[in-house]
Amino acid sequence: MSTTTPAPARALSAARTTATAARVLRQLRHDPRTVALMILVPCLMLFLLRYVFDGSARTFDSIGASLLGIFPLITMFLVTSIATLRERTSGTLERLLAMPLGKGDLIAGYALAFGSLAIVQSALATGLAVWFLGLDVTGSPWLLLLVALLDALLGTALGLFVSAFAASEFQAVQFMPAVIFPQLLLCGLFTPRDAMHPVLETISDVLPMSYAVDAMNEVLRHTEMTTAFVRDTLIVAACALLVLALGAATLKRRTA
């Protein structure tokens, strides 16, 4: 009786990663609706939010910075999960993994490609909010941009991760209420986390969006970079890296 020896894990390669990222970006170039969704929708949402609270600039100042990070996270989660699932259901993923391309290379390539778009998305949204819509921040707008970018990368990582558990694009969309909405409700956007029920506060303490909102609030309140801001941004970055690693570990060649 013969036994099948698993193929050895391939070390992460910069060349294979960048080649994968370039392929994804070429595909996105032929899909302008997806690019518009990723880059323009957060800006449109911020624009709409500003004029919903047109009579109360203070309200926009209090929640605008938080949503500057949340909107990119949601958009990148949705687009990335569907795009990755489409690769698997079309058989593209199986063909790629049959080549000298490891799962880590594939996930890192996707993260690099979507992360490049996240930079553009976050820069446009931050510039719009601060210099056009008049978002009043005490700290540096560059720190807002940093957190918005980390949030977009976190959304990319979460999208790559949950795509492994979806069998169709419809199921990928269904993961949004399960993954994003609880974080949205418990992140401190609607009520301070320390005013929540102790159980809910404990849950919020392990959700990365909570630290993204806390980091944005630090920029709103302080002129200098605080220790709390550094801690919160490091937590968001670490969560993104952890989820990317989990995404590589759970990536499937095809949808059953």
C-alpha atoms as a PDB file:
ATOM      1  CA  MET A   1       0.000   0.000   0.000  1.00  0.00           C
ATOM      2  CA  SER A   2       1.454   3.317  -1.049  1.00  0.00           C
ATOM      3  CA  THR A   3       1.263   6.465   0.937  1.00  0.00           C
ATOM      4  CA  THR A   4       1.176  10.012  -0.361  1.00  0.00           C
ATOM      5  CA  THR A   5       3.767  12.353   1.053  1.00  0.00           C
ATOM      6  CA  PRO A   6       2.515  15.915   1.439  1.00  0.00           C
ATOM      7  CA  ALA A   7       4.358  18.447  -0.661  1.00  0.00           C
ATOM      8  CA  PRO A   8       6.831  20.452   1.398  1.00  0.00           C
ATOM      9  CA  ALA A   9       5.762  23.933   2.313  1.00  0.00           C
ATOM     10  CA  ARG A  10       7.317  26.539   0.051  1.00  0.00           C
ATOM     11  CA  ALA A  11       9.178  29.437   1.582  1.00  0.00           C
ATOM     12  CA  LEU A  12       7.723  32.854   0.946  1.00  0.00           C
ATOM     13  CA  SER A  13       9.264  34.368  -2.176  1.00  0.00           C
ATOM     14  CA  ALA A  14       9.367  38.085  -2.949  1.00  0.00           C
ATOM     15  CA  ALA A  15       9.422  37.372  -6.681  1.00  0.00           C
ATOM     16  CA  ARG A  16       6.377  35.093  -6.588  1.00  0.00           C
ATOM     17  CA  THR A  17       4.539  37.481  -4.274  1.00  0.00           C
ATOM     18  CA  THR A  18       5.088  40.522  -6.499  1.00  0.00           C
ATOM     19  CA  ALA A  19       4.185  38.506  -9.603  1.00  0.00           C
ATOM     20  CA  THR A  20       0.902  37.508  -7.958  1.00  0.00           C
ATOM     21  CA  ALA A  21       0.218  41.117  -6.949  1.00  0.00           C
ATOM     22  CA  ALA A  22       0.915  42.303 -10.498  1.00  0.00           C
ATOM     23  CA  ARG A  23      -1.500  39.713 -11.902  1.00  0.00           C
ATOM     24  CA  VAL A  24      -4.263  40.787  -9.510  1.00  0.00           C
ATOM     25  CA  LEU A  25      -3.735  44.455 -10.357  1.00  0.00           C
ATOM     26  CA  ARG A  26      -3.892  43.671 -14.092  1.00  0.00           C
ATOM     27  CA  GLN A  27      -7.199  41.913 -13.552  1.00  0.00           C
ATOM     28  CA  LEU A  28      -8.561  44.797 -11.510  1.00  0.00           C
ATOM     29  CA  ARG A  29      -7.582  47.216 -14.258  1.00  0.00           C
ATOM     30  CA  HIS A  30     -10.196  45.521 -16.446  1.00  0.00           C
ATOM     31  CA  ASP A  31     -12.829  45.756 -13.694  1.00  0.00           C
ATOM     32  CA  PRO A  32     -13.415  49.498 -13.204  1.00  0.00           C
ATOM     33  CA  ARG A  33     -16.574  48.971 -11.146  1.00  0.00           C
ATOM     34  CA  THR A  34     -14.648  47.064  -8.487  1.00  0.00           C
ATOM     35  CA  VAL A  35     -11.894  49.678  -8.431  1.00  0.00           C
ATOM     36  CA  ALA A  36     -14.506  52.422  -8.110  1.00  0.00           C
ATOM     37  CA  LEU A  37     -16.172  50.541  -5.255  1.00  0.00           C
ATOM     38  CA  MET A  38     -12.897  50.274  -3.358  1.00  0.00           C
ATOM     39  CA  ILE A  39     -11.605  53.786  -3.946  1.00  0.00           C
ATOM     40  CA  LEU A  40     -14.640  56.040  -4.289  1.00  0.00           C
ATOM     41  CA  VAL A  41     -17.346  54.555  -2.067  1.00  0.00           C
ATOM     42  CA  PRO A  42     -15.640  55.467   1.267  1.00  0.00           C
ATOM     43  CA  CYS A  43     -15.256  59.038  -0.024  1.00  0.00           C
ATOM     44  CA  LEU A  44     -18.901  59.177  -1.061  1.00  0.00           C
ATOM     45  CA  MET A  45     -19.997  57.842   2.340  1.00  0.00           C
ATOM     46  CA  LEU A  46     -17.943  60.470   4.165  1.00  0.00           C
ATOM     47  CA  PHE A  47     -19.325  63.193   1.902  1.00  0.00           C
ATOM     48  CA  LEU A  48     -22.878  62.025   2.593  1.00  0.00           C
ATOM     49  CA  LEU A  49     -22.207  61.761   6.335  1.00  0.00           C
ATOM     50  CA  ARG A  50     -20.851  65.314   6.462  1.00  0.00           C
ATOM     51  CA  TYR A  51     -24.017  66.790   4.982  1.00  0.00           C
ATOM     52  CA  VAL A  52     -26.355  64.546   6.953  1.00  0.00           C
ATOM     53  CA  PHE A  53     -24.915  66.371   9.984  1.00  0.00           C
ATOM     54  CA  ASP A  54     -24.691  69.700   8.168  1.00  0.00           C
ATOM     55  CA  GLY A  55     -26.298  71.550  11.082  1.00  0.00           C
ATOM     56  CA  SER A  56     -24.001  69.948  13.640  1.00  0.00           C
ATOM     57  CA  ALA A  57     -20.343  70.043  12.683  1.00  0.00           C
ATOM     58  CA  ARG A  58     -19.444  68.793  16.161  1.00  0.00           C
ATOM     59  CA  THR A  59     -21.245  65.502  15.473  1.00  0.00           C
ATOM     60  CA  PHE A  60     -19.291  65.002  12.269  1.00  0.00           C
ATOM     61  CA  ASP A  61     -16.048  65.773  14.090  1.00  0.00           C
ATOM     62  CA  SER A  62     -16.845  63.230  16.807  1.00  0.00           C
ATOM     63  CA  ILE A  63     -17.636  60.284  14.535  1.00  0.00           C
ATOM     64  CA  GLY A  64     -16.098  61.271  11.201  1.00  0.00           C
ATOM     65  CA  ALA A  65     -12.595  60.156  12.145  1.00  0.00           C
ATOM     66  CA  SER A  66     -13.838  56.773  13.351  1.00  0.00           C
ATOM     67  CA  LEU A  67     -15.806  56.201  10.162  1.00  0.00           C
ATOM     68  CA  LEU A  68     -12.761  57.277   8.163  1.00  0.00           C
ATOM     69  CA  GLY A  69     -11.254  54.011   9.351  1.00  0.00           C
ATOM     70  CA  ILE A  70     -14.386  51.874   9.355  1.00  0.00           C
ATOM     71  CA  PHE A  71     -15.561  52.576   5.799  1.00  0.00           C
ATOM     72  CA  PRO A  72     -12.295  51.371   4.163  1.00  0.00           C
ATOM     73  CA  LEU A  73     -12.293  48.255   6.358  1.00  0.00           C
ATOM     74  CA  ILE A  74     -15.815  47.308   5.286  1.00  0.00           C
ATOM     75  CA  THR A  75     -15.171  48.029   1.602  1.00  0.00           C
ATOM     76  CA  MET A  76     -11.917  46.081   1.448  1.00  0.00           C
ATOM     77  CA  PHE A  77     -13.459  43.156   3.332  1.00  0.00           C
ATOM     78  CA  LEU A  78     -16.326  42.881   0.885  1.00  0.00           C
ATOM     79  CA  VAL A  79     -14.302  43.248  -2.316  1.00  0.00           C
ATOM     80  CA  THR A  80     -11.414  41.023  -1.228  1.00  0.00           C
ATOM     81  CA  SER A  81     -13.605  38.156  -0.015  1.00  0.00           C
ATOM     82  CA  ILE A  82     -15.575  38.077  -3.276  1.00  0.00           C
ATOM     83  CA  ALA A  83     -12.512  38.467  -5.515  1.00  0.00           C
ATOM     84  CA  THR A  84     -10.636  35.644  -3.787  1.00  0.00           C
ATOM     85  CA  LEU A  85     -13.665  33.371  -3.864  1.00  0.00           C
ATOM     86  CA  ARG A  86     -14.079  34.050  -7.582  1.00  0.00           C
ATOM     87  CA  GLU A  87     -10.498  32.899  -8.139  1.00  0.00           C
ATOM     88  CA  ARG A  88     -11.261  29.616  -6.394  1.00  0.00           C
ATOM     89  CA  THR A  89     -14.630  28.871  -7.987  1.00  0.00           C
ATOM     90  CA  SER A  90     -13.286  29.615 -11.473  1.00  0.00           C
ATOM     91  CA  GLY A  91     -10.430  27.126 -11.017  1.00  0.00           C
ATOM     92  CA  THR A  92      -7.771  29.845 -11.264  1.00  0.00           C
ATOM     93  CA  LEU A  93      -6.597  29.242  -7.714  1.00  0.00           C
ATOM     94  CA  GLU A  94      -6.154  25.513  -8.296  1.00  0.00           C
ATOM     95  CA  ARG A  95      -4.074  26.137 -11.423  1.00  0.00           C
ATOM     96  CA  LEU A  96      -1.922  28.690  -9.628  1.00  0.00           C
ATOM     97  CA  LEU A  97      -1.230  26.421  -6.661  1.00  0.00           C
ATOM     98  CA  ALA A  98      -0.243  23.621  -9.040  1.00  0.00           C
ATOM     99  CA  MET A  99       2.642  25.869 -10.083  1.00  0.00           C
ATOM    100  CA  PRO A 100       5.645  26.729  -7.877  1.00  0.00           C
ATOM    101  CA  LEU A 101       3.452  29.096  -5.893  1.00  0.00           C
ATOM    102  CA  GLY A 102       2.821  28.602  -2.201  1.00  0.00           C
ATOM    103  CA  LYS A 103      -0.256  29.623  -0.287  1.00  0.00           C
ATOM    104  CA  GLY A 104       1.790  32.231   1.533  1.00  0.00           C
ATOM    105  CA  ASP A 105       2.915  33.739  -1.778  1.00  0.00           C
ATOM    106  CA  LEU A 106      -0.682  33.881  -2.978  1.00  0.00           C
ATOM    107  CA  ILE A 107      -2.063  35.494   0.171  1.00  0.00           C
ATOM    108  CA  ALA A 108       0.852  37.942   0.387  1.00  0.00           C
ATOM    109  CA  GLY A 109       0.399  38.827  -3.279  1.00  0.00           C
ATOM    110  CA  TYR A 110      -3.289  39.532  -2.797  1.00  0.00           C
ATOM    111  CA  ALA A 111      -2.530  41.577   0.318  1.00  0.00           C
ATOM    112  CA  LEU A 112       0.100  43.571  -1.603  1.00  0.00           C
ATOM    113  CA  ALA A 113      -2.235  44.240  -4.535  1.00  0.00           C
ATOM    114  CA  PHE A 114      -5.234  45.245  -2.480  1.00  0.00           C
ATOM    115  CA  GLY A 115      -2.956  47.056  -0.034  1.00  0.00           C
ATOM    116  CA  SER A 116      -1.730  49.242  -2.904  1.00  0.00           C
ATOM    117  CA  LEU A 117      -5.318  50.201  -3.657  1.00  0.00           C
ATOM    118  CA  ALA A 118      -5.910  50.689   0.065  1.00  0.00           C
ATOM    119  CA  ILE A 119      -3.176  53.344   0.115  1.00  0.00           C
ATOM    120  CA  VAL A 120      -4.952  55.277  -2.644  1.00  0.00           C
ATOM    121  CA  GLN A 121      -8.326  54.746  -0.994  1.00  0.00           C
ATOM    122  CA  SER A 122      -7.156  55.880   2.447  1.00  0.00           C
ATOM    123  CA  ALA A 123      -5.269  58.906   1.088  1.00  0.00           C
ATOM    124  CA  LEU A 124      -8.298  60.129  -0.864  1.00  0.00           C
ATOM    125  CA  ALA A 125     -10.707  59.581   2.042  1.00  0.00           C
ATOM    126  CA  THR A 126      -8.405  61.284   4.557  1.00  0.00           C
ATOM    127  CA  GLY A 127      -7.715  64.229   2.276  1.00  0.00           C
ATOM    128  CA  LEU A 128     -11.422  64.649   1.546  1.00  0.00           C
ATOM    129  CA  ALA A 129     -12.400  64.504   5.224  1.00  0.00           C
ATOM    130  CA  VAL A 130      -9.709  66.856   6.547  1.00  0.00           C
ATOM    131  CA  TRP A 131      -9.157  69.400   3.781  1.00  0.00           C
ATOM    132  CA  PHE A 132     -12.510  69.494   2.002  1.00  0.00           C
ATOM    133  CA  LEU A 133     -15.159  68.438   4.516  1.00  0.00           C
ATOM    134  CA  GLY A 134     -13.507  70.265   7.399  1.00  0.00           C
ATOM    135  CA  LEU A 135     -12.970  67.402   9.823  1.00  0.00           C
ATOM    136  CA  ASP A 136     -11.430  69.049  12.886  1.00  0.00           C
ATOM    137  CA  VAL A 137      -8.563  66.987  14.297  1.00  0.00           C
ATOM    138  CA  THR A 138      -6.136  68.045  17.001  1.00  0.00           C
ATOM    139  CA  GLY A 139      -3.375  65.685  15.916  1.00  0.00           C
ATOM    140  CA  SER A 140      -1.663  65.147  12.591  1.00  0.00           C
ATOM    141  CA  PRO A 141      -3.782  64.135   9.572  1.00  0.00           C
ATOM    142  CA  TRP A 142      -0.928  61.785   8.668  1.00  0.00           C
ATOM    143  CA  LEU A 143      -1.726  59.734  11.755  1.00  0.00           C
ATOM    144  CA  LEU A 144      -5.344  59.522  10.598  1.00  0.00           C
ATOM    145  CA  LEU A 145      -4.061  58.286   7.257  1.00  0.00           C
ATOM    146  CA  LEU A 146      -1.935  55.642   8.987  1.00  0.00           C
ATOM    147  CA  VAL A 147      -4.886  54.241  10.920  1.00  0.00           C
ATOM    148  CA  ALA A 148      -7.170  54.354   7.859  1.00  0.00           C
ATOM    149  CA  LEU A 149      -4.552  52.403   5.901  1.00  0.00           C
ATOM    150  CA  LEU A 150      -4.159  49.810   8.660  1.00  0.00           C
ATOM    151  CA  ASP A 151      -7.939  49.429   8.795  1.00  0.00           C
ATOM    152  CA  ALA A 152      -8.092  48.878   5.041  1.00  0.00           C
ATOM    153  CA  LEU A 153      -5.342  46.252   5.309  1.00  0.00           C
ATOM    154  CA  LEU A 154      -7.223  44.595   8.163  1.00  0.00           C
ATOM    155  CA  GLY A 155     -10.348  44.486   5.994  1.00  0.00           C
ATOM    156  CA  THR A 156      -8.274  42.894   3.221  1.00  0.00           C
ATOM    157  CA  ALA A 157      -6.934  40.271   5.623  1.00  0.00           C
ATOM    158  CA  LEU A 158     -10.391  39.459   6.987  1.00  0.00           C
ATOM    159  CA  GLY A 159     -11.781  39.178   3.455  1.00  0.00           C
ATOM    160  CA  LEU A 160      -9.029  36.755   2.426  1.00  0.00           C
ATOM    161  CA  PHE A 161      -9.628  34.709   5.560  1.00  0.00           C
ATOM    162  CA  VAL A 162     -13.419  34.336   5.352  1.00  0.00           C
ATOM    163  CA  SER A 163     -13.322  33.549   1.627  1.00  0.00           C
ATOM    164  CA  ALA A 164     -11.971  30.110   2.556  1.00  0.00           C
ATOM    165  CA  PHE A 165     -15.256  29.287   4.304  1.00  0.00           C
ATOM    166  CA  ALA A 166     -17.666  30.494   1.611  1.00  0.00           C
ATOM    167  CA  ALA A 167     -18.952  28.327  -1.219  1.00  0.00           C
ATOM    168  CA  SER A 168     -20.431  31.173  -3.270  1.00  0.00           C
ATOM    169  CA  GLU A 169     -20.235  34.931  -3.608  1.00  0.00           C
ATOM    170  CA  PHE A 170     -23.595  35.185  -1.863  1.00  0.00           C
ATOM    171  CA  GLN A 171     -22.174  33.324   1.133  1.00  0.00           C
ATOM    172  CA  ALA A 172     -19.147  35.622   1.143  1.00  0.00           C
ATOM    173  CA  VAL A 173     -21.477  38.612   1.471  1.00  0.00           C
ATOM    174  CA  GLN A 174     -23.333  36.833   4.263  1.00  0.00           C
ATOM    175  CA  PHE A 175     -20.163  36.782   6.348  1.00  0.00           C
ATOM    176  CA  MET A 176     -20.350  40.554   6.687  1.00  0.00           C
ATOM    177  CA  PRO A 177     -23.075  40.525   9.374  1.00  0.00           C
ATOM    178  CA  ALA A 178     -21.148  37.837  11.260  1.00  0.00           C
ATOM    179  CA  VAL A 179     -17.675  39.391  11.048  1.00  0.00           C
ATOM    180  CA  ILE A 180     -18.141  43.141  10.587  1.00  0.00           C
ATOM    181  CA  PHE A 181     -21.416  44.125  12.233  1.00  0.00           C
ATOM    182  CA  PRO A 182     -20.589  42.915  15.785  1.00  0.00           C
ATOM    183  CA  GLN A 183     -17.352  44.898  15.626  1.00  0.00           C
ATOM    184  CA  LEU A 184     -19.229  47.931  14.350  1.00  0.00           C
ATOM    185  CA  LEU A 185     -21.680  47.784  17.259  1.00  0.00           C
ATOM    186  CA  LEU A 186     -19.056  47.142  19.948  1.00  0.00           C
ATOM    187  CA  CYS A 187     -16.144  49.302  18.762  1.00  0.00           C
ATOM    188  CA  GLY A 188     -17.207  52.373  20.733  1.00  0.00           C
ATOM    189  CA  LEU A 189     -18.641  54.303  17.798  1.00  0.00           C
ATOM    190  CA  PHE A 190     -22.169  54.502  19.199  1.00  0.00           C
ATOM    191  CA  THR A 191     -21.405  54.433  22.920  1.00  0.00           C
ATOM    192  CA  PRO A 192     -18.164  54.422  24.929  1.00  0.00           C
ATOM    193  CA  ARG A 193     -16.912  50.903  25.496  1.00  0.00           C
ATOM    194  CA  ASP A 194     -16.458  51.457  29.219  1.00  0.00           C
ATOM    195  CA  ALA A 195     -20.187  52.313  29.457  1.00  0.00           C
ATOM    196  CA  MET A 196     -21.248  48.958  27.993  1.00  0.00           C
ATOM    197  CA  HIS A 197     -22.318  45.890  29.919  1.00  0.00           C
ATOM    198  CA  PRO A 198     -19.144  44.228  31.315  1.00  0.00           C
ATOM    199  CA  VAL A 199     -19.621  41.180  29.098  1.00  0.00           C
ATOM    200  CA  LEU A 200     -19.914  43.311  25.973  1.00  0.00           C
ATOM    201  CA  GLU A 201     -16.943  45.419  27.040  1.00  0.00           C
ATOM    202  CA  THR A 202     -14.866  42.259  27.448  1.00  0.00           C
ATOM    203  CA  ILE A 203     -15.855  41.095  23.966  1.00  0.00           C
ATOM    204  CA  SER A 204     -15.026  44.500  22.516  1.00  0.00           C
ATOM    205  CA  ASP A 205     -11.551  44.262  24.046  1.00  0.00           C
ATOM    206  CA  VAL A 206     -10.648  41.409  21.673  1.00  0.00           C
ATOM    207  CA  LEU A 207     -12.085  42.985  18.493  1.00  0.00           C
ATOM    208  CA  PRO A 208      -9.548  44.823  16.298  1.00  0.00           C
ATOM    209  CA  MET A 209     -12.001  47.497  15.153  1.00  0.00           C
ATOM    210  CA  SER A 210     -12.220  48.693  18.768  1.00  0.00           C
ATOM    211  CA  TYR A 211      -8.527  49.582  18.732  1.00  0.00           C
ATOM    212  CA  ALA A 212      -8.841  51.248  15.331  1.00  0.00           C
ATOM    213  CA  VAL A 213     -11.553  53.548  16.705  1.00  0.00           C
ATOM    214  CA  ASP A 214      -9.511  54.189  19.862  1.00  0.00           C
ATOM    215  CA  ALA A 215      -6.496  55.159  17.731  1.00  0.00           C
ATOM    216  CA  MET A 216      -8.608  57.580  15.678  1.00  0.00           C
ATOM    217  CA  ASN A 217      -9.934  59.143  18.880  1.00  0.00           C
ATOM    218  CA  GLU A 218      -6.374  59.609  20.145  1.00  0.00           C
ATOM    219  CA  VAL A 219      -5.589  61.658  17.041  1.00  0.00           C
ATOM    220  CA  LEU A 220      -8.738  63.728  17.591  1.00  0.00           C
ATOM    221  CA  ARG A 221      -7.803  64.609  21.167  1.00  0.00           C
ATOM    222  CA  HIS A 222      -4.009  64.928  21.289  1.00  0.00           C
ATOM    223  CA  THR A 223      -1.515  67.008  19.339  1.00  0.00           C
ATOM    224  CA  GLU A 224       1.312  64.493  19.802  1.00  0.00           C
ATOM    225  CA  MET A 225       1.543  60.773  19.153  1.00  0.00           C
ATOM    226  CA  THR A 226       0.585  59.120  22.445  1.00  0.00           C
ATOM    227  CA  THR A 227       1.564  55.779  23.921  1.00  0.00           C
ATOM    228  CA  ALA A 228      -2.057  54.675  23.640  1.00  0.00           C
ATOM    229  CA  PHE A 229      -2.037  55.516  19.925  1.00  0.00           C
ATOM    230  CA  VAL A 230       1.105  53.459  19.325  1.00  0.00           C
ATOM    231  CA  ARG A 231      -0.362  50.545  21.268  1.00  0.00           C
ATOM    232  CA  ASP A 232      -3.663  50.656  19.378  1.00  0.00           C
ATOM    233  CA  THR A 233      -2.060  50.856  15.932  1.00  0.00           C
ATOM    234  CA  LEU A 234       0.323  48.003  16.757  1.00  0.00           C
ATOM    235  CA  ILE A 235      -2.632  45.859  17.830  1.00  0.00           C
ATOM    236  CA  VAL A 236      -4.487  46.571  14.569  1.00  0.00           C
ATOM    237  CA  ALA A 237      -1.358  45.786  12.542  1.00  0.00           C
ATOM    238  CA  ALA A 238      -0.723  42.583  14.512  1.00  0.00           C
ATOM    239  CA  CYS A 239      -4.332  41.467  13.994  1.00  0.00           C
ATOM    240  CA  ALA A 240      -3.997  42.046  10.243  1.00  0.00           C
ATOM    241  CA  LEU A 241      -0.808  39.944  10.109  1.00  0.00           C
ATOM    242  CA  LEU A 242      -2.361  37.205  12.240  1.00  0.00           C
ATOM    243  CA  VAL A 243      -5.461  37.007  10.057  1.00  0.00           C
ATOM    244  CA  LEU A 244      -3.294  36.917   6.916  1.00  0.00           C
ATOM    245  CA  ALA A 245      -1.383  33.965   8.382  1.00  0.00           C
ATOM    246  CA  LEU A 246      -4.658  32.220   9.187  1.00  0.00           C
ATOM    247  CA  GLY A 247      -5.858  32.958   5.661  1.00  0.00           C
ATOM    248  CA  ALA A 248      -2.798  31.248   4.200  1.00  0.00           C
ATOM    249  CA  ALA A 249      -3.294  28.251   6.494  1.00  0.00           C
ATOM    250  CA  THR A 250      -6.981  27.802   5.614  1.00  0.00           C
ATOM    251  CA  LEU A 251      -6.801  28.636   1.892  1.00  0.00           C
ATOM    252  CA  LYS A 252      -8.458  25.972  -0.252  1.00  0.00           C
ATOM    253  CA  ARG A 253      -7.536  25.133  -3.828  1.00  0.00           C
ATOM    254  CA  ARG A 254     -11.140  24.845  -4.928  1.00  0.00           C
ATOM    255  CA  THR A 255     -14.700  25.159  -3.639  1.00  0.00           C
ATOM    256  CA  ALA A 256     -16.270  21.753  -2.986  1.00  0.00           C
END
